[in-house]
C-alpha atoms as a PDB file:
ATOM      1  CA  UNK A   1     118.215 107.796  84.606  1.00  0.00           C
ATOM      2  CA  UNK A   2     118.050 104.968  87.067  1.00  0.00           C
ATOM      3  CA  UNK A   3     116.065 105.343  90.255  1.00  0.00           C
ATOM      4  CA  UNK A   4     119.193 104.485  92.226  1.00  0.00           C
ATOM      5  CA  UNK A   5     121.089 107.509  90.921  1.00  0.00           C
ATOM      6  CA  UNK A   6     118.100 109.866  91.240  1.00  0.00           C
ATOM      7  CA  UNK A   7     117.197 108.819  94.774  1.00  0.00           C
ATOM      8  CA  UNK A   8     120.804 108.717  95.916  1.00  0.00           C
ATOM      9  CA  UNK A   9     121.104 108.200  99.639  1.00  0.00           C
ATOM     10  CA  UNK A  10     117.416 108.815 100.374  1.00  0.00           C
ATOM     11  CA  UNK A  11     115.287 106.159  98.673  1.00  0.00           C
ATOM     12  CA  UNK A  12     112.907 106.133 101.674  1.00  0.00           C
ATOM     13  CA  UNK A  13     112.341 109.853 101.263  1.00  0.00           C
ATOM     14  CA  UNK A  14     111.601 109.670  97.528  1.00  0.00           C
ATOM     15  CA  UNK A  15     109.326 106.648  97.860  1.00  0.00           C
ATOM     16  CA  UNK A  16     107.433 108.280 100.732  1.00  0.00           C
ATOM     17  CA  UNK A  17     106.962 111.498  98.762  1.00  0.00           C
ATOM     18  CA  UNK A  18     105.916 109.482  95.701  1.00  0.00           C
ATOM     19  CA  UNK A  19     102.793 108.125  97.436  1.00  0.00           C
ATOM     20  CA  UNK A  20     101.580 111.522  98.653  1.00  0.00           C
ATOM     21  CA  UNK A  21      98.391 112.980  97.206  1.00  0.00           C
ATOM     22  CA  UNK A  22      98.692 116.407  95.523  1.00  0.00           C
ATOM     23  CA  UNK A  23      97.313 118.267  98.588  1.00  0.00           C
ATOM     24  CA  UNK A  24      99.716 116.382 100.892  1.00  0.00           C
ATOM     25  CA  UNK A  25     102.595 117.238  98.568  1.00  0.00           C
ATOM     26  CA  UNK A  26     101.513 120.891  98.698  1.00  0.00           C
ATOM     27  CA  UNK A  27     101.553 120.801 102.514  1.00  0.00           C
ATOM     28  CA  UNK A  28     104.989 119.155 102.576  1.00  0.00           C
ATOM     29  CA  UNK A  29     106.384 121.690 100.112  1.00  0.00           C
ATOM     30  CA  UNK A  30     105.004 124.545 102.219  1.00  0.00           C
ATOM     31  CA  UNK A  31     106.716 122.995 105.279  1.00  0.00           C
ATOM     32  CA  UNK A  32     109.973 123.002 103.303  1.00  0.00           C
ATOM     33  CA  UNK A  33     109.423 126.610 102.253  1.00  0.00           C
ATOM     34  CA  UNK A  34     108.701 127.753 105.820  1.00  0.00           C
ATOM     35  CA  UNK A  35     111.637 125.717 107.181  1.00  0.00           C
ATOM     36  CA  UNK A  36     113.957 127.440 104.702  1.00  0.00           C
ATOM     37  CA  UNK A  37     112.750 130.828 105.906  1.00  0.00           C
ATOM     38  CA  UNK A  38     113.396 129.846 109.530  1.00  0.00           C
ATOM     39  CA  UNK A  39     116.813 128.479 108.571  1.00  0.00           C
ATOM     40  CA  UNK A  40     117.694 131.835 107.017  1.00  0.00           C
ATOM     41  CA  UNK A  41     116.542 133.647 110.175  1.00  0.00           C
ATOM     42  CA  UNK A  42     118.663 131.361 112.393  1.00  0.00           C
ATOM     43  CA  UNK A  43     121.724 131.726 110.173  1.00  0.00           C
ATOM     44  CA  UNK A  44     121.451 135.512 110.266  1.00  0.00           C
ATOM     45  CA  UNK A  45     121.396 135.359 114.071  1.00  0.00           C
ATOM     46  CA  UNK A  46     118.359 137.601 114.359  1.00  0.00           C
ATOM     47  CA  UNK A  47     116.359 135.189 116.508  1.00  0.00           C
ATOM     48  CA  UNK A  48     117.085 132.470 119.023  1.00  0.00           C
ATOM     49  CA  UNK A  49     115.362 129.091 118.737  1.00  0.00           C
ATOM     50  CA  UNK A  50     113.023 128.270 121.612  1.00  0.00           C
ATOM     51  CA  UNK A  51     112.752 131.803 122.886  1.00  0.00           C
ATOM     52  CA  UNK A  52     110.235 132.418 125.667  1.00  0.00           C
ATOM     53  CA  UNK A  53     107.165 132.519 123.409  1.00  0.00           C
ATOM     54  CA  UNK A  54     108.690 130.545 120.527  1.00  0.00           C
ATOM     55  CA  UNK A  55     107.602 132.883 117.711  1.00  0.00           C
ATOM     56  CA  UNK A  56     110.333 131.484 115.500  1.00  0.00           C
ATOM     57  CA  UNK A  57     109.200 127.871 115.157  1.00  0.00           C
ATOM     58  CA  UNK A  58     107.006 126.365 112.473  1.00  0.00           C
ATOM     59  CA  UNK A  59     103.659 125.509 114.033  1.00  0.00           C
ATOM     60  CA  UNK A  60     100.632 123.749 112.600  1.00  0.00           C
ATOM     61  CA  UNK A  61      98.573 126.896 113.180  1.00  0.00           C
ATOM     62  CA  UNK A  62     100.928 129.173 111.247  1.00  0.00           C
ATOM     63  CA  UNK A  63     101.249 126.610 108.456  1.00  0.00           C
ATOM     64  CA  UNK A  64      97.468 126.233 108.173  1.00  0.00           C
ATOM     65  CA  UNK A  65      97.029 130.016 107.979  1.00  0.00           C
ATOM     66  CA  UNK A  66      99.762 130.251 105.351  1.00  0.00           C
ATOM     67  CA  UNK A  67      98.177 127.518 103.220  1.00  0.00           C
ATOM     68  CA  UNK A  68      94.801 129.278 103.347  1.00  0.00           C
ATOM     69  CA  UNK A  69      96.216 132.787 102.912  1.00  0.00           C
ATOM     70  CA  UNK A  70      94.191 134.709 100.386  1.00  0.00           C
ATOM     71  CA  UNK A  71      91.929 131.787  99.633  1.00  0.00           C
ATOM     72  CA  UNK A  72      88.539 131.227 101.152  1.00  0.00           C
ATOM     73  CA  UNK A  73      88.799 127.892 103.012  1.00  0.00           C
ATOM     74  CA  UNK A  74      91.251 126.399 100.522  1.00  0.00           C
ATOM     75  CA  UNK A  75      91.741 123.497 102.923  1.00  0.00           C
ATOM     76  CA  UNK A  76      89.591 122.404 105.839  1.00  0.00           C
ATOM     77  CA  UNK A  77      91.225 122.010 109.236  1.00  0.00           C
ATOM     78  CA  UNK A  78      90.179 118.340 109.308  1.00  0.00           C
ATOM     79  CA  UNK A  79      91.884 117.632 105.977  1.00  0.00           C
ATOM     80  CA  UNK A  80      94.943 119.587 107.082  1.00  0.00           C
ATOM     81  CA  UNK A  81      95.244 117.535 110.284  1.00  0.00           C
ATOM     82  CA  UNK A  82      94.862 114.306 108.297  1.00  0.00           C
ATOM     83  CA  UNK A  83      97.683 115.425 105.972  1.00  0.00           C
ATOM     84  CA  UNK A  84      99.927 116.251 108.942  1.00  0.00           C
ATOM     85  CA  UNK A  85      99.188 112.852 110.529  1.00  0.00           C
ATOM     86  CA  UNK A  86      99.949 111.081 107.239  1.00  0.00           C
ATOM     87  CA  UNK A  87     103.263 112.931 106.880  1.00  0.00           C
ATOM     88  CA  UNK A  88     104.070 111.882 110.459  1.00  0.00           C
ATOM     89  CA  UNK A  89     103.143 108.248 109.789  1.00  0.00           C
ATOM     90  CA  UNK A  90     105.438 108.229 106.740  1.00  0.00           C
ATOM     91  CA  UNK A  91     108.213 109.573 108.994  1.00  0.00           C
ATOM     92  CA  UNK A  92     108.674 112.690 106.889  1.00  0.00           C
ATOM     93  CA  UNK A  93     108.008 115.076 109.799  1.00  0.00           C
ATOM     94  CA  UNK A  94     107.923 115.085 113.579  1.00  0.00           C
ATOM     95  CA  UNK A  95     105.654 117.181 115.758  1.00  0.00           C
ATOM     96  CA  UNK A  96     106.240 118.469 119.267  1.00  0.00           C
ATOM     97  CA  UNK A  97     103.561 119.994 121.491  1.00  0.00           C
ATOM     98  CA  UNK A  98     104.269 122.966 123.741  1.00  0.00           C
ATOM     99  CA  UNK A  99     102.157 124.888 126.257  1.00  0.00           C
ATOM    100  CA  UNK A 100     102.787 128.618 126.074  1.00  0.00           C
ATOM    101  CA  UNK A 101     101.578 131.090 128.653  1.00  0.00           C
ATOM    102  CA  UNK A 102     100.759 133.699 126.006  1.00  0.00           C
ATOM    103  CA  UNK A 103      99.358 131.557 123.169  1.00  0.00           C
ATOM    104  CA  UNK A 104      98.110 128.333 124.706  1.00  0.00           C
ATOM    105  CA  UNK A 105      99.078 125.022 123.137  1.00  0.00           C
ATOM    106  CA  UNK A 106     101.073 124.924 119.914  1.00  0.00           C
ATOM    107  CA  UNK A 107     102.391 122.055 117.833  1.00  0.00           C
ATOM    108  CA  UNK A 108     105.823 122.479 116.245  1.00  0.00           C
ATOM    109  CA  UNK A 109     106.561 120.803 112.899  1.00  0.00           C
ATOM    110  CA  UNK A 110     110.099 119.565 112.215  1.00  0.00           C
ATOM    111  CA  UNK A 111     111.363 117.895 109.042  1.00  0.00           C
ATOM    112  CA  UNK A 112     113.060 114.535 109.638  1.00  0.00           C
ATOM    113  CA  UNK A 113     115.320 114.910 106.595  1.00  0.00           C
ATOM    114  CA  UNK A 114     117.574 117.708 105.363  1.00  0.00           C
ATOM    115  CA  UNK A 115     115.632 120.625 103.903  1.00  0.00           C
ATOM    116  CA  UNK A 116     117.422 120.412 100.539  1.00  0.00           C
ATOM    117  CA  UNK A 117     116.712 116.664 100.249  1.00  0.00           C
ATOM    118  CA  UNK A 118     112.980 117.065 100.940  1.00  0.00           C
ATOM    119  CA  UNK A 119     112.817 120.023  98.565  1.00  0.00           C
ATOM    120  CA  UNK A 120     114.510 117.987  95.816  1.00  0.00           C
ATOM    121  CA  UNK A 121     112.088 115.092  96.359  1.00  0.00           C
ATOM    122  CA  UNK A 122     109.065 117.417  96.256  1.00  0.00           C
ATOM    123  CA  UNK A 123     110.301 119.147  93.120  1.00  0.00           C
ATOM    124  CA  UNK A 124     110.976 115.792  91.482  1.00  0.00           C
ATOM    125  CA  UNK A 125     107.274 114.911  91.804  1.00  0.00           C
ATOM    126  CA  UNK A 126     105.885 118.438  91.384  1.00  0.00           C
ATOM    127  CA  UNK A 127     107.834 119.173  88.220  1.00  0.00           C
ATOM    128  CA  UNK A 128     109.067 122.684  87.454  1.00  0.00           C
ATOM    129  CA  UNK A 129     106.058 124.494  88.942  1.00  0.00           C
ATOM    130  CA  UNK A 130     108.037 125.808  91.919  1.00  0.00           C
ATOM    131  CA  UNK A 131     111.083 127.450  90.288  1.00  0.00           C
ATOM    132  CA  UNK A 132     110.517 130.699  92.154  1.00  0.00           C
ATOM    133  CA  UNK A 133     111.080 129.129  95.585  1.00  0.00           C
ATOM    134  CA  UNK A 134     114.084 130.319  97.664  1.00  0.00           C
ATOM    135  CA  UNK A 135     117.377 128.420  97.813  1.00  0.00           C
ATOM    136  CA  UNK A 136     117.718 125.650 100.385  1.00  0.00           C
ATOM    137  CA  UNK A 137     119.898 126.103 103.424  1.00  0.00           C
ATOM    138  CA  UNK A 138     123.162 124.191 103.264  1.00  0.00           C
END
């Protein structure tokens, strides 16, 4: 299979994902997973984006907790922040900072590409280890 047919309309995406380290790829895949969950919530109409306290956005804090869930310091906060900055520098994600009256400052994470495209790129380099992940939003 030629790289042109595999990468389709997103060669930048595939080449950016290709240079990620395994921990960075894990962080990116978790961002995809969390973004899919939020997409499902929005499509069901059960929450409104940018509500007063923004509980329905993907933040660096919630992502860090999710990555370390059940594991004792699986990833240090310094390493996590370096991975987020690298994903930003590769133009795979954007971040937006918000000040909330109830929670202080939060940083939202937003994918710069379609969820299904990033998921396909991650799975291409991860192999078949993530077959149990939910379907991508259209």
